[in-house]
């Protein structure tokens, strides 16, 4: 695999406004196409996408908007429920976070109406959220109020985990549903047992911007700190096994591929001159960068393809990677 310092997106899709956050559904839609949602200033769009790598009859990407609806404030974070499917009776359910410290559980009917359940309780900015990945009956969120909170779909607070600094990301692994991984800004990543509501393992580094739990391999955790990306093997040490510089001007996001445990992407800070997406591969004697390009906000990987998406100014940019 050759190093490519600047590669154009494999596909682009035009949007009406700046895209602040974008997420593929990490769950099967029950149909050939994947579900994708993106949001920005007072809007959320739900769509399906099917790529030529999945269907030879598709030219490039087949992108269909299912719903475009109003959101009271800018969308700052977004998560899909595993209940979202397109087979049988189509069901869409996702949750958003906004600057008013509230979660909004959205259940559009794909026609004219959508139900909005407002969930309140956080006392500061919400940084990240995720659904319980098997049944989708709970939502976990982390905030600058130094808590991770778990909610039911009626908005009741079921669990409150007190943190020592702002929570920046939370992961709920489909193979470890009784555990939550919570990353804190000061540089600690903890795994919590949800039954006992206590930490059972912790990882350490410098101040963190984001961390992610590898879906194909549960012992791998990755994150970004300063300009660097970091990789932990949780069976070996509480400190990173690998640390490499990635971005000239501060890294912002780290996301593992869902299709390959050696593939991940990082982004620079939105708004910076050198804000980039960089796709990395660990399966070489020396880890290499296999593509980079200027980007905007958000980052998400396709459920089965080595393909990631990033939001930008009035477009979505997709990169397909050779594994």
C-alpha atoms as a PDB file:
ATOM      1  CA  UNK A   1       0.000   0.000   0.000  1.00  0.00           C
ATOM      2  CA  UNK A   2       1.538   3.247  -1.136  1.00  0.00           C
ATOM      3  CA  UNK A   3       1.647   6.413   0.866  1.00  0.00           C
ATOM      4  CA  UNK A   4      -0.652   9.051  -0.602  1.00  0.00           C
ATOM      5  CA  UNK A   5      -0.265  12.501   0.904  1.00  0.00           C
ATOM      6  CA  UNK A   6      -3.344  13.993  -0.733  1.00  0.00           C
ATOM      7  CA  UNK A   7      -6.128  11.897  -2.217  1.00  0.00           C
ATOM      8  CA  UNK A   8      -9.476  13.127  -3.484  1.00  0.00           C
ATOM      9  CA  UNK A   9     -12.617  11.508  -2.066  1.00  0.00           C
ATOM     10  CA  UNK A  10     -13.807   8.347  -3.798  1.00  0.00           C
ATOM     11  CA  UNK A  11     -17.329   9.791  -3.802  1.00  0.00           C
ATOM     12  CA  UNK A  12     -18.992  13.062  -2.845  1.00  0.00           C
ATOM     13  CA  UNK A  13     -22.653  13.865  -2.179  1.00  0.00           C
ATOM     14  CA  UNK A  14     -23.901  17.480  -2.208  1.00  0.00           C
ATOM     15  CA  UNK A  15     -25.744  18.860   0.851  1.00  0.00           C
ATOM     16  CA  UNK A  16     -27.734  22.035   1.443  1.00  0.00           C
ATOM     17  CA  UNK A  17     -25.647  23.316   4.347  1.00  0.00           C
ATOM     18  CA  UNK A  18     -22.484  22.731   6.355  1.00  0.00           C
ATOM     19  CA  UNK A  19     -22.340  19.194   7.798  1.00  0.00           C
ATOM     20  CA  UNK A  20     -21.271  19.253  11.442  1.00  0.00           C
ATOM     21  CA  UNK A  21     -21.727  15.576  12.295  1.00  0.00           C
ATOM     22  CA  UNK A  22     -22.245  12.417  10.209  1.00  0.00           C
ATOM     23  CA  UNK A  23     -22.833   8.801  11.251  1.00  0.00           C
ATOM     24  CA  UNK A  24     -23.334   5.556   9.390  1.00  0.00           C
ATOM     25  CA  UNK A  25     -25.638   3.245  11.287  1.00  0.00           C
ATOM     26  CA  UNK A  26     -23.345   0.545  12.743  1.00  0.00           C
ATOM     27  CA  UNK A  27     -26.241  -1.917  12.548  1.00  0.00           C
ATOM     28  CA  UNK A  28     -27.717  -3.888   9.668  1.00  0.00           C
ATOM     29  CA  UNK A  29     -30.627  -2.066   8.062  1.00  0.00           C
ATOM     30  CA  UNK A  30     -32.196  -5.339   6.890  1.00  0.00           C
ATOM     31  CA  UNK A  31     -31.838  -4.039   3.322  1.00  0.00           C
ATOM     32  CA  UNK A  32     -28.914  -3.836   0.859  1.00  0.00           C
ATOM     33  CA  UNK A  33     -28.426  -0.114   1.515  1.00  0.00           C
ATOM     34  CA  UNK A  34     -26.900   1.341   4.688  1.00  0.00           C
ATOM     35  CA  UNK A  35     -28.529   3.985   6.833  1.00  0.00           C
ATOM     36  CA  UNK A  36     -26.683   7.273   7.283  1.00  0.00           C
ATOM     37  CA  UNK A  37     -27.601  10.449   9.161  1.00  0.00           C
ATOM     38  CA  UNK A  38     -25.992  13.849   9.160  1.00  0.00           C
ATOM     39  CA  UNK A  39     -26.764  17.142  10.830  1.00  0.00           C
ATOM     40  CA  UNK A  40     -25.715  20.740  11.144  1.00  0.00           C
ATOM     41  CA  UNK A  41     -27.330  24.060  11.954  1.00  0.00           C
ATOM     42  CA  UNK A  42     -30.919  23.231  12.940  1.00  0.00           C
ATOM     43  CA  UNK A  43     -31.389  20.221  10.686  1.00  0.00           C
ATOM     44  CA  UNK A  44     -31.019  16.444  10.557  1.00  0.00           C
ATOM     45  CA  UNK A  45     -31.075  14.352   7.381  1.00  0.00           C
ATOM     46  CA  UNK A  46     -31.700  10.599   7.313  1.00  0.00           C
ATOM     47  CA  UNK A  47     -30.647   8.806   4.134  1.00  0.00           C
ATOM     48  CA  UNK A  48     -29.670   5.468   2.618  1.00  0.00           C
ATOM     49  CA  UNK A  49     -26.532   4.831   0.591  1.00  0.00           C
ATOM     50  CA  UNK A  50     -25.463   1.905  -1.555  1.00  0.00           C
ATOM     51  CA  UNK A  51     -22.002   1.773  -3.136  1.00  0.00           C
ATOM     52  CA  UNK A  52     -20.789   0.145  -6.327  1.00  0.00           C
ATOM     53  CA  UNK A  53     -18.546  -2.085  -4.222  1.00  0.00           C
ATOM     54  CA  UNK A  54     -21.752  -3.611  -2.816  1.00  0.00           C
ATOM     55  CA  UNK A  55     -23.835  -3.699  -6.003  1.00  0.00           C
ATOM     56  CA  UNK A  56     -22.279  -3.830  -9.475  1.00  0.00           C
ATOM     57  CA  UNK A  57     -25.347  -2.128 -10.957  1.00  0.00           C
ATOM     58  CA  UNK A  58     -24.705   1.025  -8.910  1.00  0.00           C
ATOM     59  CA  UNK A  59     -22.550   3.689 -10.516  1.00  0.00           C
ATOM     60  CA  UNK A  60     -20.487   5.225  -7.722  1.00  0.00           C
ATOM     61  CA  UNK A  61     -22.945   5.750  -4.873  1.00  0.00           C
ATOM     62  CA  UNK A  62     -26.740   5.600  -4.830  1.00  0.00           C
ATOM     63  CA  UNK A  63     -27.778   8.144  -2.186  1.00  0.00           C
ATOM     64  CA  UNK A  64     -31.433   8.597  -1.232  1.00  0.00           C
ATOM     65  CA  UNK A  65     -32.720  11.084   1.357  1.00  0.00           C
ATOM     66  CA  UNK A  66     -35.517   9.569   3.453  1.00  0.00           C
ATOM     67  CA  UNK A  67     -36.231  12.531   5.715  1.00  0.00           C
ATOM     68  CA  UNK A  68     -34.979  16.089   6.184  1.00  0.00           C
ATOM     69  CA  UNK A  69     -36.320  17.628   9.372  1.00  0.00           C
ATOM     70  CA  UNK A  70     -35.883  20.633  11.619  1.00  0.00           C
ATOM     71  CA  UNK A  71     -33.713  20.423  14.735  1.00  0.00           C
ATOM     72  CA  UNK A  72     -34.026  23.257  17.245  1.00  0.00           C
ATOM     73  CA  UNK A  73     -30.268  23.825  17.601  1.00  0.00           C
ATOM     74  CA  UNK A  74     -27.083  22.783  15.842  1.00  0.00           C
ATOM     75  CA  UNK A  75     -26.503  19.030  16.046  1.00  0.00           C
ATOM     76  CA  UNK A  76     -23.300  18.407  18.041  1.00  0.00           C
ATOM     77  CA  UNK A  77     -23.465  14.614  18.343  1.00  0.00           C
ATOM     78  CA  UNK A  78     -25.606  11.852  16.886  1.00  0.00           C
ATOM     79  CA  UNK A  79     -26.101   8.113  17.475  1.00  0.00           C
ATOM     80  CA  UNK A  80     -28.132   5.350  15.786  1.00  0.00           C
ATOM     81  CA  UNK A  81     -30.368   2.842  17.540  1.00  0.00           C
ATOM     82  CA  UNK A  82     -30.101  -0.856  16.550  1.00  0.00           C
ATOM     83  CA  UNK A  83     -33.904  -0.742  16.218  1.00  0.00           C
ATOM     84  CA  UNK A  84     -33.492   1.280  13.014  1.00  0.00           C
ATOM     85  CA  UNK A  85     -34.299  -1.010  10.100  1.00  0.00           C
ATOM     86  CA  UNK A  86     -35.767  -0.778   6.616  1.00  0.00           C
ATOM     87  CA  UNK A  87     -37.268  -4.263   6.324  1.00  0.00           C
ATOM     88  CA  UNK A  88     -40.626  -5.344   7.749  1.00  0.00           C
ATOM     89  CA  UNK A  89     -42.194  -2.123   9.102  1.00  0.00           C
ATOM     90  CA  UNK A  90     -39.489   0.529   8.486  1.00  0.00           C
ATOM     91  CA  UNK A  91     -38.313   2.025  11.789  1.00  0.00           C
ATOM     92  CA  UNK A  92     -35.897   4.896  12.272  1.00  0.00           C
ATOM     93  CA  UNK A  93     -34.624   5.899  15.703  1.00  0.00           C
ATOM     94  CA  UNK A  94     -31.654   8.079  16.539  1.00  0.00           C
ATOM     95  CA  UNK A  95     -30.558  10.429  19.275  1.00  0.00           C
ATOM     96  CA  UNK A  96     -28.884  13.828  19.082  1.00  0.00           C
ATOM     97  CA  UNK A  97     -27.123  16.179  21.475  1.00  0.00           C
ATOM     98  CA  UNK A  98     -27.114  19.974  21.267  1.00  0.00           C
ATOM     99  CA  UNK A  99     -25.654  22.963  23.088  1.00  0.00           C
ATOM    100  CA  UNK A 100     -28.724  23.334  25.341  1.00  0.00           C
ATOM    101  CA  UNK A 101     -27.428  20.274  27.302  1.00  0.00           C
ATOM    102  CA  UNK A 102     -30.354  18.144  26.140  1.00  0.00           C
ATOM    103  CA  UNK A 103     -30.608  14.877  24.268  1.00  0.00           C
ATOM    104  CA  UNK A 104     -33.346  14.464  21.674  1.00  0.00           C
ATOM    105  CA  UNK A 105     -34.624  11.008  20.842  1.00  0.00           C
ATOM    106  CA  UNK A 106     -35.947  11.201  17.273  1.00  0.00           C
ATOM    107  CA  UNK A 107     -38.348   8.660  15.808  1.00  0.00           C
ATOM    108  CA  UNK A 108     -39.442   9.845  12.350  1.00  0.00           C
ATOM    109  CA  UNK A 109     -42.157   7.931  10.501  1.00  0.00           C
ATOM    110  CA  UNK A 110     -40.450   8.610   7.116  1.00  0.00           C
ATOM    111  CA  UNK A 111     -43.485  10.547   5.944  1.00  0.00           C
ATOM    112  CA  UNK A 112     -44.791  13.752   7.508  1.00  0.00           C
ATOM    113  CA  UNK A 113     -44.353  13.342  11.239  1.00  0.00           C
ATOM    114  CA  UNK A 114     -41.632  12.563  13.717  1.00  0.00           C
ATOM    115  CA  UNK A 115     -41.704  12.052  17.441  1.00  0.00           C
ATOM    116  CA  UNK A 116     -39.184  13.980  19.557  1.00  0.00           C
ATOM    117  CA  UNK A 117     -38.472  12.960  23.149  1.00  0.00           C
ATOM    118  CA  UNK A 118     -36.345  15.555  24.994  1.00  0.00           C
ATOM    119  CA  UNK A 119     -34.063  14.086  27.670  1.00  0.00           C
ATOM    120  CA  UNK A 120     -32.748  16.461  30.331  1.00  0.00           C
ATOM    121  CA  UNK A 121     -30.284  16.020  33.178  1.00  0.00           C
ATOM    122  CA  UNK A 122     -26.795  16.988  32.078  1.00  0.00           C
ATOM    123  CA  UNK A 123     -25.688  20.344  33.476  1.00  0.00           C
ATOM    124  CA  UNK A 124     -23.051  21.138  30.836  1.00  0.00           C
ATOM    125  CA  UNK A 125     -22.165  20.492  27.203  1.00  0.00           C
ATOM    126  CA  UNK A 126     -22.748  16.911  25.959  1.00  0.00           C
ATOM    127  CA  UNK A 127     -19.749  15.638  23.989  1.00  0.00           C
ATOM    128  CA  UNK A 128     -20.741  12.164  22.806  1.00  0.00           C
ATOM    129  CA  UNK A 129     -23.480   9.546  23.042  1.00  0.00           C
ATOM    130  CA  UNK A 130     -24.165   5.947  22.047  1.00  0.00           C
ATOM    131  CA  UNK A 131     -27.044   3.435  22.111  1.00  0.00           C
ATOM    132  CA  UNK A 132     -26.842   0.076  23.847  1.00  0.00           C
ATOM    133  CA  UNK A 133     -25.955  -2.023  20.774  1.00  0.00           C
ATOM    134  CA  UNK A 134     -28.110  -5.144  21.106  1.00  0.00           C
ATOM    135  CA  UNK A 135     -31.658  -3.956  21.871  1.00  0.00           C
ATOM    136  CA  UNK A 136     -31.244  -0.171  21.862  1.00  0.00           C
ATOM    137  CA  UNK A 137     -33.288   0.327  25.043  1.00  0.00           C
ATOM    138  CA  UNK A 138     -30.699   2.575  26.694  1.00  0.00           C
ATOM    139  CA  UNK A 139     -28.496   5.540  25.726  1.00  0.00           C
ATOM    140  CA  UNK A 140     -25.173   6.514  27.306  1.00  0.00           C
ATOM    141  CA  UNK A 141     -23.890  10.096  27.136  1.00  0.00           C
ATOM    142  CA  UNK A 142     -20.827  11.952  28.428  1.00  0.00           C
ATOM    143  CA  UNK A 143     -20.550  15.619  29.271  1.00  0.00           C
ATOM    144  CA  UNK A 144     -18.395  18.485  30.465  1.00  0.00           C
ATOM    145  CA  UNK A 145     -20.296  18.125  33.755  1.00  0.00           C
ATOM    146  CA  UNK A 146     -17.890  15.262  34.662  1.00  0.00           C
ATOM    147  CA  UNK A 147     -20.502  12.537  34.324  1.00  0.00           C
ATOM    148  CA  UNK A 148     -21.429   9.614  32.122  1.00  0.00           C
ATOM    149  CA  UNK A 149     -25.161   8.986  32.320  1.00  0.00           C
ATOM    150  CA  UNK A 150     -27.240   6.069  31.068  1.00  0.00           C
ATOM    151  CA  UNK A 151     -30.872   6.774  30.154  1.00  0.00           C
ATOM    152  CA  UNK A 152     -33.856   4.663  29.195  1.00  0.00           C
ATOM    153  CA  UNK A 153     -36.020   5.616  26.219  1.00  0.00           C
ATOM    154  CA  UNK A 154     -38.485   7.428  28.492  1.00  0.00           C
ATOM    155  CA  UNK A 155     -35.711   9.796  29.567  1.00  0.00           C
ATOM    156  CA  UNK A 156     -35.183   8.295  33.011  1.00  0.00           C
ATOM    157  CA  UNK A 157     -31.617   8.375  34.319  1.00  0.00           C
ATOM    158  CA  UNK A 158     -30.675   4.759  35.127  1.00  0.00           C
ATOM    159  CA  UNK A 159     -26.955   5.064  35.893  1.00  0.00           C
ATOM    160  CA  UNK A 160     -24.713   8.010  36.780  1.00  0.00           C
ATOM    161  CA  UNK A 161     -20.939   7.527  36.687  1.00  0.00           C
ATOM    162  CA  UNK A 162     -18.978  10.336  38.326  1.00  0.00           C
ATOM    163  CA  UNK A 163     -15.848  11.218  36.356  1.00  0.00           C
ATOM    164  CA  UNK A 164     -12.748  13.161  37.385  1.00  0.00           C
ATOM    165  CA  UNK A 165     -12.761  15.413  34.309  1.00  0.00           C
ATOM    166  CA  UNK A 166     -15.075  16.068  31.336  1.00  0.00           C
ATOM    167  CA  UNK A 167     -16.201  12.963  29.456  1.00  0.00           C
ATOM    168  CA  UNK A 168     -15.224  13.192  25.802  1.00  0.00           C
ATOM    169  CA  UNK A 169     -16.324   9.846  24.332  1.00  0.00           C
ATOM    170  CA  UNK A 170     -18.265   6.746  25.323  1.00  0.00           C
ATOM    171  CA  UNK A 171     -18.285   3.312  23.634  1.00  0.00           C
ATOM    172  CA  UNK A 172     -20.644   0.377  24.091  1.00  0.00           C
ATOM    173  CA  UNK A 173     -19.189  -2.741  22.461  1.00  0.00           C
ATOM    174  CA  UNK A 174     -21.664  -5.297  21.019  1.00  0.00           C
ATOM    175  CA  UNK A 175     -19.566  -8.151  22.452  1.00  0.00           C
ATOM    176  CA  UNK A 176     -19.259  -6.543  25.903  1.00  0.00           C
ATOM    177  CA  UNK A 177     -22.719  -5.122  26.568  1.00  0.00           C
ATOM    178  CA  UNK A 178     -22.317  -5.070  30.351  1.00  0.00           C
ATOM    179  CA  UNK A 179     -19.342  -2.726  30.055  1.00  0.00           C
ATOM    180  CA  UNK A 180     -18.959   0.900  29.041  1.00  0.00           C
ATOM    181  CA  UNK A 181     -15.724   2.510  27.905  1.00  0.00           C
ATOM    182  CA  UNK A 182     -15.541   6.154  28.971  1.00  0.00           C
ATOM    183  CA  UNK A 183     -12.730   8.494  27.937  1.00  0.00           C
ATOM    184  CA  UNK A 184     -11.962  11.600  30.000  1.00  0.00           C
ATOM    185  CA  UNK A 185     -10.366  14.809  28.808  1.00  0.00           C
ATOM    186  CA  UNK A 186      -7.520  14.663  31.326  1.00  0.00           C
ATOM    187  CA  UNK A 187      -6.249  11.438  29.730  1.00  0.00           C
ATOM    188  CA  UNK A 188      -7.869   8.486  31.491  1.00  0.00           C
ATOM    189  CA  UNK A 189      -9.965   5.812  29.761  1.00  0.00           C
ATOM    190  CA  UNK A 190     -12.008   3.625  32.103  1.00  0.00           C
ATOM    191  CA  UNK A 191     -14.034   0.478  31.550  1.00  0.00           C
ATOM    192  CA  UNK A 192     -17.060   0.314  33.832  1.00  0.00           C
ATOM    193  CA  UNK A 193     -19.080  -2.707  34.907  1.00  0.00           C
ATOM    194  CA  UNK A 194     -22.664  -1.521  34.525  1.00  0.00           C
ATOM    195  CA  UNK A 195     -24.072  -4.007  37.038  1.00  0.00           C
ATOM    196  CA  UNK A 196     -21.772  -2.907  39.843  1.00  0.00           C
ATOM    197  CA  UNK A 197     -21.400   0.627  38.424  1.00  0.00           C
ATOM    198  CA  UNK A 198     -17.686   0.656  39.116  1.00  0.00           C
ATOM    199  CA  UNK A 199     -14.467   0.910  37.109  1.00  0.00           C
ATOM    200  CA  UNK A 200     -12.765  -2.429  36.394  1.00  0.00           C
ATOM    201  CA  UNK A 201      -9.868  -1.273  34.176  1.00  0.00           C
ATOM    202  CA  UNK A 202      -8.196   2.005  33.264  1.00  0.00           C
ATOM    203  CA  UNK A 203      -5.817   3.256  30.571  1.00  0.00           C
ATOM    204  CA  UNK A 204      -3.660   6.373  30.755  1.00  0.00           C
ATOM    205  CA  UNK A 205      -1.996   8.987  28.555  1.00  0.00           C
ATOM    206  CA  UNK A 206      -1.813  12.771  28.214  1.00  0.00           C
ATOM    207  CA  UNK A 207      -4.890  14.978  27.670  1.00  0.00           C
ATOM    208  CA  UNK A 208      -7.288  13.277  25.238  1.00  0.00           C
ATOM    209  CA  UNK A 209      -9.495  14.659  22.489  1.00  0.00           C
ATOM    210  CA  UNK A 210     -11.259  11.388  21.607  1.00  0.00           C
ATOM    211  CA  UNK A 211     -10.979   7.612  22.069  1.00  0.00           C
ATOM    212  CA  UNK A 212     -12.593   4.619  20.352  1.00  0.00           C
ATOM    213  CA  UNK A 213     -12.974   0.905  21.154  1.00  0.00           C
ATOM    214  CA  UNK A 214     -12.137  -1.407  18.242  1.00  0.00           C
ATOM    215  CA  UNK A 215     -15.183  -3.420  17.128  1.00  0.00           C
ATOM    216  CA  UNK A 216     -13.297  -6.283  15.346  1.00  0.00           C
ATOM    217  CA  UNK A 217     -10.860  -6.733  18.262  1.00  0.00           C
ATOM    218  CA  UNK A 218     -12.026  -5.924  21.801  1.00  0.00           C
ATOM    219  CA  UNK A 219      -8.492  -5.650  23.251  1.00  0.00           C
ATOM    220  CA  UNK A 220      -7.647  -2.632  21.064  1.00  0.00           C
ATOM    221  CA  UNK A 221      -8.375   0.968  22.010  1.00  0.00           C
ATOM    222  CA  UNK A 222      -7.257   4.016  20.044  1.00  0.00           C
ATOM    223  CA  UNK A 223      -7.320   7.740  20.610  1.00  0.00           C
ATOM    224  CA  UNK A 224      -5.838  11.124  19.781  1.00  0.00           C
ATOM    225  CA  UNK A 225      -3.899  13.396  22.115  1.00  0.00           C
ATOM    226  CA  UNK A 226      -2.283  16.651  21.019  1.00  0.00           C
ATOM    227  CA  UNK A 227      -1.014  16.008  17.486  1.00  0.00           C
ATOM    228  CA  UNK A 228      -0.641  12.233  17.988  1.00  0.00           C
ATOM    229  CA  UNK A 229      -2.620   9.032  17.604  1.00  0.00           C
ATOM    230  CA  UNK A 230      -2.241   6.330  20.263  1.00  0.00           C
ATOM    231  CA  UNK A 231      -3.041   2.603  20.388  1.00  0.00           C
ATOM    232  CA  UNK A 232      -3.518   0.487  23.544  1.00  0.00           C
ATOM    233  CA  UNK A 233      -3.584  -3.287  23.943  1.00  0.00           C
ATOM    234  CA  UNK A 234      -5.632  -3.559  27.131  1.00  0.00           C
ATOM    235  CA  UNK A 235      -4.172  -6.997  27.951  1.00  0.00           C
ATOM    236  CA  UNK A 236      -0.612  -5.675  28.049  1.00  0.00           C
ATOM    237  CA  UNK A 237      -0.370  -2.285  29.691  1.00  0.00           C
ATOM    238  CA  UNK A 238      -2.318   0.741  30.843  1.00  0.00           C
ATOM    239  CA  UNK A 239      -0.043   2.862  28.649  1.00  0.00           C
ATOM    240  CA  UNK A 240      -0.140   3.065  24.839  1.00  0.00           C
ATOM    241  CA  UNK A 241       1.844   0.468  22.868  1.00  0.00           C
ATOM    242  CA  UNK A 242       2.124   2.842  19.917  1.00  0.00           C
ATOM    243  CA  UNK A 243       2.161   6.605  19.590  1.00  0.00           C
ATOM    244  CA  UNK A 244       2.748   8.528  16.360  1.00  0.00           C
ATOM    245  CA  UNK A 245       2.390  12.126  15.212  1.00  0.00           C
ATOM    246  CA  UNK A 246      -0.546  12.536  12.852  1.00  0.00           C
ATOM    247  CA  UNK A 247      -1.616  16.156  12.499  1.00  0.00           C
ATOM    248  CA  UNK A 248       0.344  19.379  12.309  1.00  0.00           C
ATOM    249  CA  UNK A 249      -2.238  21.411  14.172  1.00  0.00           C
ATOM    250  CA  UNK A 250      -4.041  19.299  16.793  1.00  0.00           C
ATOM    251  CA  UNK A 251      -5.909  16.041  16.215  1.00  0.00           C
ATOM    252  CA  UNK A 252      -9.663  15.926  16.886  1.00  0.00           C
ATOM    253  CA  UNK A 253     -11.190  12.491  16.159  1.00  0.00           C
ATOM    254  CA  UNK A 254     -10.093   8.839  16.075  1.00  0.00           C
ATOM    255  CA  UNK A 255     -12.354   6.116  14.636  1.00  0.00           C
ATOM    256  CA  UNK A 256     -11.591   2.449  14.029  1.00  0.00           C
ATOM    257  CA  UNK A 257     -12.768   0.776  10.851  1.00  0.00           C
ATOM    258  CA  UNK A 258     -15.548  -1.716  11.512  1.00  0.00           C
ATOM    259  CA  UNK A 259     -14.235  -3.950   8.724  1.00  0.00           C
ATOM    260  CA  UNK A 260     -10.532  -4.237   9.629  1.00  0.00           C
ATOM    261  CA  UNK A 261      -8.870  -4.071  13.047  1.00  0.00           C
ATOM    262  CA  UNK A 262      -5.704  -2.550  11.555  1.00  0.00           C
ATOM    263  CA  UNK A 263      -7.452   0.308   9.794  1.00  0.00           C
ATOM    264  CA  UNK A 264      -8.385   3.609  11.443  1.00  0.00           C
ATOM    265  CA  UNK A 265      -8.824   7.271  10.600  1.00  0.00           C
ATOM    266  CA  UNK A 266      -7.994  10.504  12.393  1.00  0.00           C
ATOM    267  CA  UNK A 267      -9.063  14.057  11.688  1.00  0.00           C
ATOM    268  CA  UNK A 268      -7.541  17.410  12.446  1.00  0.00           C
ATOM    269  CA  UNK A 269      -9.411  20.150  14.221  1.00  0.00           C
ATOM    270  CA  UNK A 270     -12.283  21.661  12.150  1.00  0.00           C
ATOM    271  CA  UNK A 271     -11.592  25.211  11.065  1.00  0.00           C
ATOM    272  CA  UNK A 272      -7.824  24.897  11.208  1.00  0.00           C
ATOM    273  CA  UNK A 273      -5.912  25.618   7.994  1.00  0.00           C
ATOM    274  CA  UNK A 274      -4.424  22.121   7.925  1.00  0.00           C
ATOM    275  CA  UNK A 275      -7.513  20.231   9.072  1.00  0.00           C
ATOM    276  CA  UNK A 276      -7.281  16.816   7.421  1.00  0.00           C
ATOM    277  CA  UNK A 277      -8.605  13.307   7.443  1.00  0.00           C
ATOM    278  CA  UNK A 278      -5.766  10.782   7.504  1.00  0.00           C
ATOM    279  CA  UNK A 279      -6.405   7.062   7.049  1.00  0.00           C
ATOM    280  CA  UNK A 280      -3.852   4.777   8.717  1.00  0.00           C
ATOM    281  CA  UNK A 281      -3.003   1.074   8.443  1.00  0.00           C
ATOM    282  CA  UNK A 282      -1.160  -0.879  11.144  1.00  0.00           C
ATOM    283  CA  UNK A 283      -0.625  -4.081   9.166  1.00  0.00           C
ATOM    284  CA  UNK A 284       2.844  -3.161   7.922  1.00  0.00           C
ATOM    285  CA  UNK A 285       6.305  -3.300   9.554  1.00  0.00           C
ATOM    286  CA  UNK A 286       6.031   0.467   9.843  1.00  0.00           C
ATOM    287  CA  UNK A 287       2.501   1.901  10.167  1.00  0.00           C
ATOM    288  CA  UNK A 288       1.763   4.016   7.111  1.00  0.00           C
ATOM    289  CA  UNK A 289      -0.618   6.746   6.116  1.00  0.00           C
ATOM    290  CA  UNK A 290      -2.600   5.615   3.092  1.00  0.00           C
ATOM    291  CA  UNK A 291      -4.466   8.772   2.241  1.00  0.00           C
ATOM    292  CA  UNK A 292      -5.258  12.262   3.452  1.00  0.00           C
ATOM    293  CA  UNK A 293      -7.307  15.243   2.401  1.00  0.00           C
ATOM    294  CA  UNK A 294      -8.699  18.508   3.734  1.00  0.00           C
ATOM    295  CA  UNK A 295     -11.986  18.001   5.603  1.00  0.00           C
ATOM    296  CA  UNK A 296     -14.652  19.569   7.762  1.00  0.00           C
ATOM    297  CA  UNK A 297     -16.393  17.888  10.718  1.00  0.00           C
ATOM    298  CA  UNK A 298     -17.510  14.445  11.772  1.00  0.00           C
ATOM    299  CA  UNK A 299     -16.114  11.014  10.920  1.00  0.00           C
ATOM    300  CA  UNK A 300     -17.752   7.615  10.564  1.00  0.00           C
ATOM    301  CA  UNK A 301     -16.947   4.186   9.051  1.00  0.00           C
ATOM    302  CA  UNK A 302     -19.237   1.979   6.995  1.00  0.00           C
ATOM    303  CA  UNK A 303     -20.436  -1.165   8.794  1.00  0.00           C
ATOM    304  CA  UNK A 304     -18.826  -3.684   6.388  1.00  0.00           C
ATOM    305  CA  UNK A 305     -16.782  -1.781   3.804  1.00  0.00           C
ATOM    306  CA  UNK A 306     -13.341  -0.170   4.351  1.00  0.00           C
ATOM    307  CA  UNK A 307     -15.003   3.169   3.638  1.00  0.00           C
ATOM    308  CA  UNK A 308     -15.318   6.260   5.815  1.00  0.00           C
ATOM    309  CA  UNK A 309     -17.275   9.494   5.506  1.00  0.00           C
ATOM    310  CA  UNK A 310     -16.545  13.035   6.662  1.00  0.00           C
ATOM    311  CA  UNK A 311     -18.772  16.097   6.620  1.00  0.00           C
ATOM    312  CA  UNK A 312     -17.708  19.344   5.018  1.00  0.00           C
ATOM    313  CA  UNK A 313     -19.134  22.567   3.613  1.00  0.00           C
ATOM    314  CA  UNK A 314     -22.263  21.542   1.690  1.00  0.00           C
ATOM    315  CA  UNK A 315     -21.060  18.022   0.948  1.00  0.00           C
ATOM    316  CA  UNK A 316     -20.293  14.574   2.287  1.00  0.00           C
ATOM    317  CA  UNK A 317     -16.926  13.082   1.311  1.00  0.00           C
ATOM    318  CA  UNK A 318     -16.444   9.301   1.163  1.00  0.00           C
ATOM    319  CA  UNK A 319     -13.087   7.498   0.998  1.00  0.00           C
ATOM    320  CA  UNK A 320     -12.840   3.841  -0.069  1.00  0.00           C
ATOM    321  CA  UNK A 321      -9.630   2.179   1.111  1.00  0.00           C
ATOM    322  CA  UNK A 322      -7.886  -0.890  -0.277  1.00  0.00           C
ATOM    323  CA  UNK A 323      -7.290  -3.272   2.652  1.00  0.00           C
END
